[in-house]
Protein backbone atom coordinates (compact mmCIF):
# COMPACT_ATOMS: atom_id res chain seq x y z
CA MET A 1 -9.06 1.06 26.85
CA ALA A 2 -6.84 3.64 27.40
CA LEU A 3 -7.63 7.16 28.57
CA PHE A 4 -6.67 10.82 29.23
CA GLU A 5 -7.52 12.61 32.32
CA VAL A 6 -6.51 16.25 32.00
CA THR A 7 -6.88 18.72 34.39
CA GLY A 8 -7.17 22.27 32.39
CA GLY A 9 -6.04 25.83 33.32
CA ARG A 10 -2.15 24.96 33.59
CA SER A 11 -0.53 27.42 31.45
CA LEU A 12 2.70 25.75 30.12
CA LYS A 13 6.36 26.91 29.17
CA GLY A 14 9.06 25.46 27.73
CA GLU A 15 10.48 23.73 24.64
CA ILE A 16 8.95 21.30 22.76
CA THR A 17 10.51 18.99 19.36
CA ALA A 18 8.23 18.05 17.07
CA GLN A 19 8.22 14.35 15.79
CA GLY A 20 8.69 13.14 12.28
CA ALA A 21 6.08 13.27 10.25
CA LYS A 22 3.00 10.94 10.04
CA ASN A 23 1.78 10.89 6.63
CA GLU A 24 5.32 11.09 4.96
CA ALA A 25 6.88 8.27 7.00
CA LEU A 26 3.64 5.78 6.20
CA GLN A 27 4.61 6.55 2.06
CA VAL A 28 8.25 6.18 2.32
CA ILE A 29 8.15 2.70 4.66
CA CYS A 30 5.94 1.69 1.44
CA ALA A 31 8.53 2.48 -0.85
CA VAL A 32 11.21 0.31 0.57
CA LEU A 33 9.40 -2.54 -1.21
CA LEU A 34 10.42 -1.34 -4.55
CA THR A 35 14.95 -2.33 -3.84
CA PRO A 36 16.09 -5.39 -2.89
CA GLU A 37 18.84 -3.10 -1.42
CA ARG A 38 18.82 -1.29 2.19
CA VAL A 39 17.35 1.66 2.66
CA VAL A 40 17.96 3.52 5.85
CA VAL A 41 15.04 6.28 6.97
CA GLY A 42 15.91 8.68 9.80
CA ASN A 43 13.06 11.03 11.71
CA VAL A 44 10.56 8.19 11.93
CA PRO A 45 7.11 8.69 14.53
CA ALA A 46 7.25 5.94 17.10
CA ILE A 47 3.32 6.00 16.93
CA VAL A 48 0.97 3.21 16.73
CA ASP A 49 -0.04 3.77 12.52
CA VAL A 50 3.74 3.45 11.48
CA ILE A 51 4.78 0.34 13.95
CA GLN A 52 1.66 -1.08 12.48
CA LEU A 53 2.67 -0.80 9.29
CA ILE A 54 6.35 -1.89 10.31
CA GLU A 55 5.24 -4.70 11.61
CA LEU A 56 3.24 -5.59 8.25
CA LEU A 57 6.35 -4.71 6.40
CA GLU A 58 8.36 -7.64 8.67
CA CYS A 59 5.65 -10.13 7.93
CA LEU A 60 5.90 -9.74 4.12
CA GLY A 61 9.81 -11.24 4.91
CA VAL A 62 11.29 -7.26 5.50
CA GLU A 63 14.37 -7.54 7.25
CA VAL A 64 13.77 -4.90 9.65
CA GLU A 65 15.83 -3.49 11.93
CA ARG A 66 15.60 -0.44 14.57
CA LEU A 67 18.81 1.66 14.26
CA SER A 68 18.24 4.09 17.23
CA ASP A 69 14.60 5.77 18.80
CA ASP A 70 13.59 7.60 15.39
CA GLU A 71 15.67 5.11 12.43
CA TRP A 72 15.15 2.41 11.02
CA SER A 73 16.56 0.18 8.36
CA PHE A 74 14.68 -1.86 5.88
CA CYS A 75 16.01 -4.74 3.08
CA ALA A 76 13.37 -6.05 1.18
CA ALA A 77 15.19 -8.67 -0.51
CA ASP A 78 12.79 -11.65 -0.26
CA ILE A 79 9.31 -11.07 0.04
CA ASP A 80 6.94 -13.50 0.70
CA LEU A 81 3.83 -12.96 -1.13
CA ASP A 82 1.97 -15.62 -0.86
CA TYR A 83 1.00 -13.97 2.28
CA MET A 84 -0.67 -11.32 1.16
CA LYS A 85 -3.37 -14.48 0.95
CA SER A 86 -3.30 -15.20 4.69
CA LEU A 87 -5.93 -13.93 7.42
CA ASP A 88 -2.95 -12.54 9.79
CA PHE A 89 -2.48 -10.32 6.37
CA ARG A 90 -6.01 -9.23 6.02
CA GLN A 91 -6.18 -8.86 9.65
CA ARG A 92 -2.84 -6.40 10.06
CA ALA A 93 -3.77 -4.11 7.03
CA THR A 94 -7.03 -3.33 7.63
CA ARG A 95 -6.12 -1.73 11.13
CA LEU A 96 -4.42 1.43 9.03
CA ARG A 97 -5.14 3.05 6.17
CA GLY A 98 -1.51 3.44 5.04
CA SER A 99 -1.69 0.08 4.01
CA VAL A 100 -3.33 0.62 0.46
CA MET A 101 0.27 2.32 0.02
CA ILE A 102 2.10 -1.31 -0.42
CA MET A 103 0.24 -2.33 -3.29
CA GLY A 104 1.99 0.24 -5.70
CA PRO A 105 5.76 -0.94 -5.10
CA LEU A 106 4.81 -4.46 -4.60
CA LEU A 107 2.75 -4.40 -8.05
CA ALA A 108 6.14 -2.67 -9.67
CA ARG A 109 8.25 -4.83 -8.41
CA PHE A 110 6.74 -8.40 -8.50
CA GLY A 111 3.54 -7.49 -11.26
CA ILE A 112 0.65 -8.44 -8.42
CA ALA A 113 -0.65 -6.88 -4.82
CA HIS A 114 -3.57 -7.65 -2.84
CA LEU A 115 -5.16 -5.43 -0.04
CA PRO A 116 -8.15 -6.23 1.85
CA LYS A 117 -10.63 -3.17 2.50
CA PRO A 118 -8.21 -0.76 4.97
CA GLY A 119 -8.85 0.92 7.89
CA GLY A 120 -8.26 4.56 9.55
CA ASP A 121 -10.14 7.30 10.31
CA LYS A 122 -13.96 7.18 10.39
CA ILE A 123 -14.27 10.68 8.82
CA GLY A 124 -16.90 10.00 5.74
CA ARG A 125 -16.09 8.41 2.68
CA ARG A 126 -12.47 7.99 1.85
CA ARG A 127 -12.69 5.82 -1.54
CA LEU A 128 -9.78 3.96 -3.07
CA ASP A 129 -11.09 5.03 -6.93
CA THR A 130 -7.98 7.52 -7.60
CA HIS A 131 -5.83 4.26 -6.76
CA PHE A 132 -6.57 1.97 -8.82
CA ILE A 133 -8.06 3.77 -11.95
CA GLY A 134 -4.46 4.88 -11.70
CA PHE A 135 -3.31 1.01 -11.81
CA GLN A 136 -5.36 0.53 -14.38
CA LYS A 137 -4.16 2.98 -16.83
CA LEU A 138 -0.65 1.96 -16.04
CA GLY A 139 -2.06 -1.65 -17.33
CA ALA A 140 -2.85 -3.87 -14.35
CA GLN A 141 -5.75 -5.86 -13.85
CA PHE A 142 -8.15 -5.07 -11.15
CA ASP A 143 -10.14 -6.95 -9.25
CA PHE A 144 -12.70 -6.04 -5.95
CA ASP A 145 -14.08 -9.59 -4.02
CA GLY A 146 -17.29 -7.62 -2.70
CA GLY A 147 -18.02 -10.16 -0.39
CA GLU A 148 -14.44 -10.61 1.01
CA ASP A 149 -13.88 -6.58 0.91
CA PHE A 150 -10.61 -7.81 -0.94
CA PHE A 151 -8.55 -5.79 -3.84
CA SER A 152 -6.27 -7.34 -6.27
CA VAL A 153 -4.05 -6.02 -9.41
CA SER A 154 -2.03 -7.63 -11.58
CA GLY A 155 -0.12 -7.50 -14.76
CA GLU A 156 3.11 -5.22 -16.64
CA LEU A 157 2.80 -2.10 -16.21
CA LYS A 158 3.52 0.52 -19.25
CA GLY A 159 3.66 4.37 -19.05
CA THR A 160 0.89 6.40 -19.82
CA TYR A 161 -0.67 9.84 -19.71
CA MET A 162 -3.07 10.06 -16.64
CA LEU A 163 -5.60 13.04 -15.41
CA LEU A 164 -6.16 12.12 -11.70
CA ASP A 165 -9.64 12.72 -10.97
CA GLU A 166 -8.54 14.38 -7.59
CA ALA A 167 -5.55 15.36 -5.71
CA SER A 168 -4.98 12.49 -3.61
CA VAL A 169 -2.00 12.69 -1.74
CA THR A 170 -1.96 9.01 -1.26
CA GLY A 171 -3.07 7.73 -4.75
CA THR A 172 -0.45 10.06 -6.13
CA ALA A 173 2.24 8.49 -3.95
CA ASN A 174 0.67 4.85 -4.68
CA ILE A 175 0.79 5.57 -8.41
CA VAL A 176 4.17 7.46 -8.52
CA MET A 177 5.50 4.22 -7.03
CA ALA A 178 3.85 2.05 -9.34
CA ALA A 179 5.16 4.33 -12.19
CA VAL A 180 8.59 4.59 -11.53
CA MET A 181 9.23 0.68 -13.13
CA ALA A 182 6.38 0.86 -15.57
CA ARG A 183 8.25 0.36 -18.98
CA GLY A 184 8.23 4.21 -20.65
CA PHE A 185 6.82 7.10 -19.89
CA THR A 186 4.41 8.44 -17.20
CA THR A 187 2.37 11.62 -16.98
CA ILE A 188 0.41 12.67 -14.20
CA TYR A 189 -1.43 16.06 -14.21
CA ASN A 190 -3.57 16.72 -10.90
CA ALA A 191 -0.75 14.69 -8.91
CA ALA A 192 -1.14 16.48 -5.16
CA CYS A 193 2.28 18.16 -4.74
CA GLU A 194 2.32 18.36 -1.11
CA PRO A 195 5.61 18.28 1.05
CA TYR A 196 5.33 15.09 1.81
CA ILE A 197 4.91 13.61 -1.70
CA GLN A 198 7.98 15.94 -3.15
CA GLN A 199 10.06 14.20 0.06
CA LEU A 200 9.09 10.49 -1.19
CA CYS A 201 9.86 11.67 -5.26
CA LYS A 202 13.56 12.86 -4.35
CA MET A 203 13.92 9.50 -2.30
CA LEU A 204 13.04 7.61 -5.00
CA ASN A 205 14.89 10.15 -7.55
CA ARG A 206 18.06 8.71 -5.06
CA MET A 207 17.12 5.59 -5.94
CA GLY A 208 17.49 5.71 -9.23
CA ALA A 209 13.72 6.50 -10.38
CA LYS A 210 13.06 9.66 -12.88
CA ILE A 211 11.00 12.07 -11.75
CA SER A 212 10.58 15.92 -13.01
CA GLY A 213 8.14 18.31 -11.83
CA ILE A 214 8.22 17.34 -8.55
CA ALA A 215 6.78 20.27 -6.10
CA SER A 216 4.50 20.92 -9.02
CA ASN A 217 0.99 19.00 -10.23
CA LEU A 218 2.44 17.77 -13.11
CA LEU A 219 4.92 14.76 -12.72
CA THR A 220 6.90 12.96 -15.34
CA ILE A 221 8.23 9.92 -14.34
CA GLU A 222 10.42 8.01 -16.99
CA GLY A 223 10.08 4.51 -16.19
CA VAL A 224 13.65 2.37 -14.46
CA GLY A 225 14.44 -1.70 -14.12
CA GLU A 226 15.66 -1.44 -10.78
CA LEU A 227 15.82 1.00 -7.96
CA GLY A 228 18.54 0.50 -5.55
CA GLY A 229 18.78 1.46 -1.25
CA THR A 230 19.20 4.74 -0.21
CA CYS A 231 18.94 6.86 2.82
CA HIS A 232 16.00 9.15 3.99
CA ARG A 233 15.06 11.68 6.72
CA CYS A 234 11.68 12.79 7.37
CA LEU A 235 10.51 16.15 7.39
CA PRO A 236 9.21 17.66 10.87
CA ASP A 237 5.01 16.73 11.40
CA MET A 238 3.62 20.24 10.36
CA ILE A 239 0.07 18.99 11.60
CA GLU A 240 2.46 18.46 15.14
CA VAL A 241 3.91 21.80 14.80
CA GLY A 242 0.29 23.51 14.28
CA SER A 243 -1.41 21.68 16.96
CA PHE A 244 1.29 22.78 19.31
CA ILE A 245 0.78 26.63 17.84
CA GLY A 246 -2.93 26.71 18.71
CA MET A 247 -2.06 25.32 22.10
CA ALA A 248 0.11 27.42 23.21
CA ALA A 249 -2.52 30.11 22.20
CA MET A 250 -5.40 28.70 23.36
CA THR A 251 -3.71 28.13 26.93
CA GLN A 252 -2.06 31.14 27.28
CA SER A 253 1.41 29.89 27.57
CA GLU A 254 4.60 30.08 26.02
CA ILE A 255 6.33 27.51 24.01
CA THR A 256 9.39 27.29 21.84
CA ILE A 257 8.83 24.27 18.97
CA LYS A 258 12.08 23.23 17.72
CA ASN A 259 12.97 21.94 14.47
CA VAL A 260 9.65 22.97 12.84
CA GLY A 261 11.27 22.62 9.16
CA TYR A 262 9.72 26.63 8.82
CA GLU A 263 9.98 26.41 4.87
CA GLU A 264 7.67 23.12 4.66
CA LEU A 265 4.91 24.72 6.40
CA GLY A 266 3.34 26.73 3.62
CA ILE A 267 0.63 28.55 4.61
CA ILE A 268 -0.02 27.53 8.12
CA PRO A 269 1.97 30.21 9.88
CA GLN A 270 -0.41 32.66 8.09
CA GLN A 271 -3.54 31.05 8.79
CA PHE A 272 -2.36 31.22 12.37
CA SER A 273 -1.40 34.59 11.82
CA ARG A 274 -4.91 35.42 10.16
CA MET A 275 -6.52 33.98 13.97
CA GLY A 276 -4.49 37.03 15.27
CA ILE A 277 -1.74 34.70 17.22
CA ARG A 278 1.62 36.08 17.42
CA PHE A 279 4.69 33.99 16.68
CA GLU A 280 8.13 34.85 15.81
CA GLN A 281 10.31 32.64 13.47
CA ARG A 282 13.65 31.91 15.30
CA GLY A 283 16.10 30.27 12.97
CA ASP A 284 13.97 26.58 12.12
CA ASP A 285 12.18 27.65 15.81
CA ILE A 286 8.74 29.28 16.12
CA HIS A 287 8.73 30.72 19.78
CA VAL A 288 4.73 31.70 20.45
CA PRO A 289 4.86 34.23 23.48
CA ARG A 290 1.96 34.55 26.42
CA GLN A 291 -0.86 35.70 24.87
CA GLU A 292 -4.26 37.08 26.98
CA HIS A 293 -6.31 37.47 24.00
CA TYR A 294 -5.99 36.60 20.32
CA CYS A 295 -8.28 38.70 17.87
CA ILE A 296 -9.48 37.14 14.27
CA GLU A 297 -9.11 39.37 11.47
CA SER A 298 -12.13 39.94 9.12
CA PHE A 299 -11.79 40.55 5.58
CA ILE A 300 -11.10 43.77 3.70
CA ASP A 301 -14.19 44.17 3.14
CA GLY A 302 -15.26 43.50 6.97
CA SER A 303 -17.05 40.14 6.75
CA ILE A 304 -15.89 37.60 8.53
CA MET A 305 -13.26 35.48 8.45
CA THR A 306 -13.29 31.95 6.70
CA ILE A 307 -10.50 29.26 7.14
CA ALA A 308 -11.61 26.50 4.55
CA ASP A 309 -9.06 23.72 4.12
CA ALA A 310 -7.48 22.92 0.37
CA PRO A 311 -5.33 20.59 -1.58
CA TRP A 312 -1.32 21.71 -1.50
CA PRO A 313 -0.21 24.83 -1.54
CA GLY A 314 -3.74 25.66 0.30
CA LEU A 315 -4.25 24.68 4.07
CA THR A 316 -3.98 21.01 4.97
CA PRO A 317 -7.68 19.22 6.32
CA ASP A 318 -6.11 17.77 9.37
CA LEU A 319 -5.66 21.25 11.25
CA LEU A 320 -9.05 22.84 10.68
CA SER A 321 -9.86 20.90 14.20
CA VAL A 322 -7.24 22.43 15.76
CA PHE A 323 -8.29 26.10 14.45
CA LEU A 324 -11.86 24.94 15.27
CA VAL A 325 -10.97 24.49 18.93
CA VAL A 326 -8.86 27.63 18.77
CA ALA A 327 -11.38 29.76 17.95
CA THR A 328 -13.34 29.16 20.91
CA GLN A 329 -11.56 31.94 22.88
CA ALA A 330 -10.66 34.18 20.39
CA ARG A 331 -11.98 37.54 19.73
CA GLY A 332 -14.47 37.46 17.00
CA SER A 333 -15.69 35.06 14.84
CA VAL A 334 -14.92 32.80 12.09
CA LEU A 335 -16.58 29.98 9.65
CA ILE A 336 -14.58 27.17 9.58
CA HIS A 337 -15.23 25.23 6.39
CA GLN A 338 -13.84 21.75 5.78
CA LYS A 339 -14.64 21.04 1.97
CA MET A 340 -12.63 17.88 1.53
CA PHE A 341 -14.10 15.07 4.08
CA GLU A 342 -17.89 14.59 5.43
CA SER A 343 -17.40 14.00 8.85
CA ARG A 344 -14.78 15.89 11.03
CA LEU A 345 -16.94 18.41 12.18
CA PHE A 346 -19.05 16.00 14.28
CA PHE A 347 -16.87 16.33 17.21
CA VAL A 348 -18.05 19.70 17.73
CA ASP A 349 -21.26 19.30 19.97
CA LYS A 350 -18.57 17.77 22.39
CA LEU A 351 -17.10 21.28 22.19
CA ILE A 352 -20.73 22.96 22.47
CA ASP A 353 -21.50 21.11 26.03
CA MET A 354 -18.58 22.39 27.20
CA GLY A 355 -19.72 25.83 26.28
CA ALA A 356 -18.06 26.77 22.84
CA GLN A 357 -20.56 29.22 21.16
CA ILE A 358 -20.56 27.31 17.93
CA ILE A 359 -23.02 27.42 14.93
CA LEU A 360 -22.58 23.23 13.67
CA CYS A 361 -24.52 24.77 9.51
CA ASP A 362 -24.33 21.63 7.62
CA PRO A 363 -22.13 18.69 7.81
CA HIS A 364 -18.94 21.17 6.16
CA ARG A 365 -19.64 24.41 7.45
CA ALA A 366 -19.35 25.21 11.83
CA THR A 367 -19.57 29.72 12.81
CA VAL A 368 -17.53 29.49 16.16
CA ILE A 369 -17.92 33.29 18.37
CA GLY A 370 -15.10 33.17 20.79
CA HIS A 371 -15.29 33.86 24.06
CA ASP A 372 -11.73 36.03 24.11
CA HIS A 373 -11.14 34.03 27.48
CA ALA A 374 -14.07 35.87 29.11
CA PHE A 375 -15.47 32.92 29.44
CA ARG A 376 -13.83 29.53 30.31
CA LEU A 377 -14.66 25.79 28.78
CA ARG A 378 -16.49 23.94 31.24
CA ALA A 379 -14.43 20.29 31.72
CA THR A 380 -16.47 17.15 30.62
CA SER A 381 -16.40 13.44 29.26
CA MET A 382 -15.73 12.76 25.70
CA THR A 383 -14.37 10.13 23.24
CA SER A 384 -12.43 11.33 20.73
CA PRO A 385 -13.26 9.65 17.25
CA ASP A 386 -10.32 10.26 15.34
CA ILE A 387 -6.99 11.41 15.37
CA ARG A 388 -7.18 15.21 14.57
CA ALA A 389 -10.25 15.84 16.55
CA GLY A 390 -8.68 13.63 19.61
CA VAL A 391 -5.62 16.57 19.36
CA ALA A 392 -8.26 19.30 19.31
CA LEU A 393 -10.12 17.91 22.22
CA LEU A 394 -7.30 17.62 24.29
CA ILE A 395 -5.99 21.32 23.17
CA ALA A 396 -10.24 21.94 24.75
CA ALA A 397 -9.72 20.09 28.01
CA MET A 398 -6.15 21.63 28.21
CA SER A 399 -7.68 25.03 28.58
CA ALA A 400 -11.32 24.20 30.34
CA GLU A 401 -11.97 24.50 34.37
CA GLY A 402 -11.66 20.81 35.64
CA THR A 403 -10.98 17.79 34.79
CA SER A 404 -11.96 16.07 31.70
CA VAL A 405 -12.01 12.61 30.92
CA ILE A 406 -10.82 11.66 26.79
CA GLN A 407 -11.50 8.34 26.16
CA ASN A 408 -10.17 6.29 23.09
CA ILE A 409 -7.24 7.51 23.47
CA ASP A 410 -5.70 4.78 20.78
CA GLN A 411 -7.19 7.37 18.12
CA ILE A 412 -4.62 10.04 19.40
CA ASP A 413 -1.14 7.82 19.58
CA ARG A 414 -2.02 6.61 16.43
CA GLY A 415 -0.14 10.10 14.86
CA TYR A 416 1.02 11.48 18.05
CA GLN A 417 4.23 10.18 20.41
CA ASN A 418 3.99 10.48 23.79
CA ILE A 419 1.92 13.38 23.67
CA ASP A 420 1.03 13.20 27.26
CA GLY A 421 4.50 13.26 28.23
CA ARG A 422 6.20 15.32 26.33
CA LEU A 423 3.32 17.73 27.24
CA ASN A 424 3.44 17.16 30.75
CA ALA A 425 7.39 17.69 30.91
CA LEU A 426 5.90 21.62 29.72
CA GLY A 427 3.43 21.44 32.55
CA ALA A 428 0.29 19.71 31.70
CA LYS A 429 -1.21 17.71 33.97
CA ILE A 430 -2.94 14.30 31.74
CA VAL A 431 -2.60 11.57 33.53
CA ARG A 432 -3.15 8.28 31.27
CA LYS A 433 -5.30 5.47 32.30
């Protein structure tokens, strides 16, 4: 199993470019199954989850061509539906959670889809009810084999009204992709409206879909008989942009983050400002100057700052791990409230071992008392539990005194492309073994 040896205490300097958005790429790559025509997708990150999804589509019969480092061509003219019943399909699909989003397109176009229980991060329950309830409301028959952990949906789809029980991003994407070819009109209320969903809807409209209400939580879809090909470019990854802002502050570095898609970052820059982190927008770049200190704001009434995740346009839960680790060297205190997942704060024991002052109040809340750089974290050995906590631990190790070891870095590779090479180019010392 691969690991990182990270020598901490090094100040970084230079420019780094954000990769394409992982979550968007997974959605739009699944959408190529909706048409037999050619679809070209650019700014695709070369990360484990995305590559595994592309390989899964190839096994389904999609013709795939890599046009450049970050641009791919897909043609799903001849799909092997029987492959979904094979052992190889089961093994590949269970490796990544994004595989669930092949079901909506396959159901829409072919009237049938199968999937084993997908894998992904171990961050508490991540139920799939929203996906399958949505398919059922569209008229699909649902079957679950509990012994085999195997899902099946089938049937002709018809437009309907639905109110989602949660604003699930992948659930919304899956239902939208199913509804675009359903007969009649579909209305989806409490839909997720993240930039990734907006990008997917815009791509589908270019393919011939009729989706209105994009960027709101109320989507209306008029079903069409067929969809055509298109070209699409993924946004920069907002999670990576936020990770780099936090890393710069934590390591007292001067960094320019290139091509961030600033208008699509939502509340992220504002929340880093409330942590006392200074930065400036330069066109579509973010420049973070070297800061000796950053001071966490208090609320107007003087109470402790609380940073909590929420569905868009609230703060994405994928960045709470970074906010938590960055707070360990801030001046002041903050309450980190993880509302949307159950187990994403359980990595804080490693930060406490490193000398961080953190009180884990319960599985969802942690209070962080910052050291204000008066005390550096100690190097230690740790294991990456999931993608986002893994990067947070990497940032902690880069600021610590001594050499830390991070194991299970396959989790980090699932979401961050060549992270060690890119950070080493800024002056970090990260050795992959």
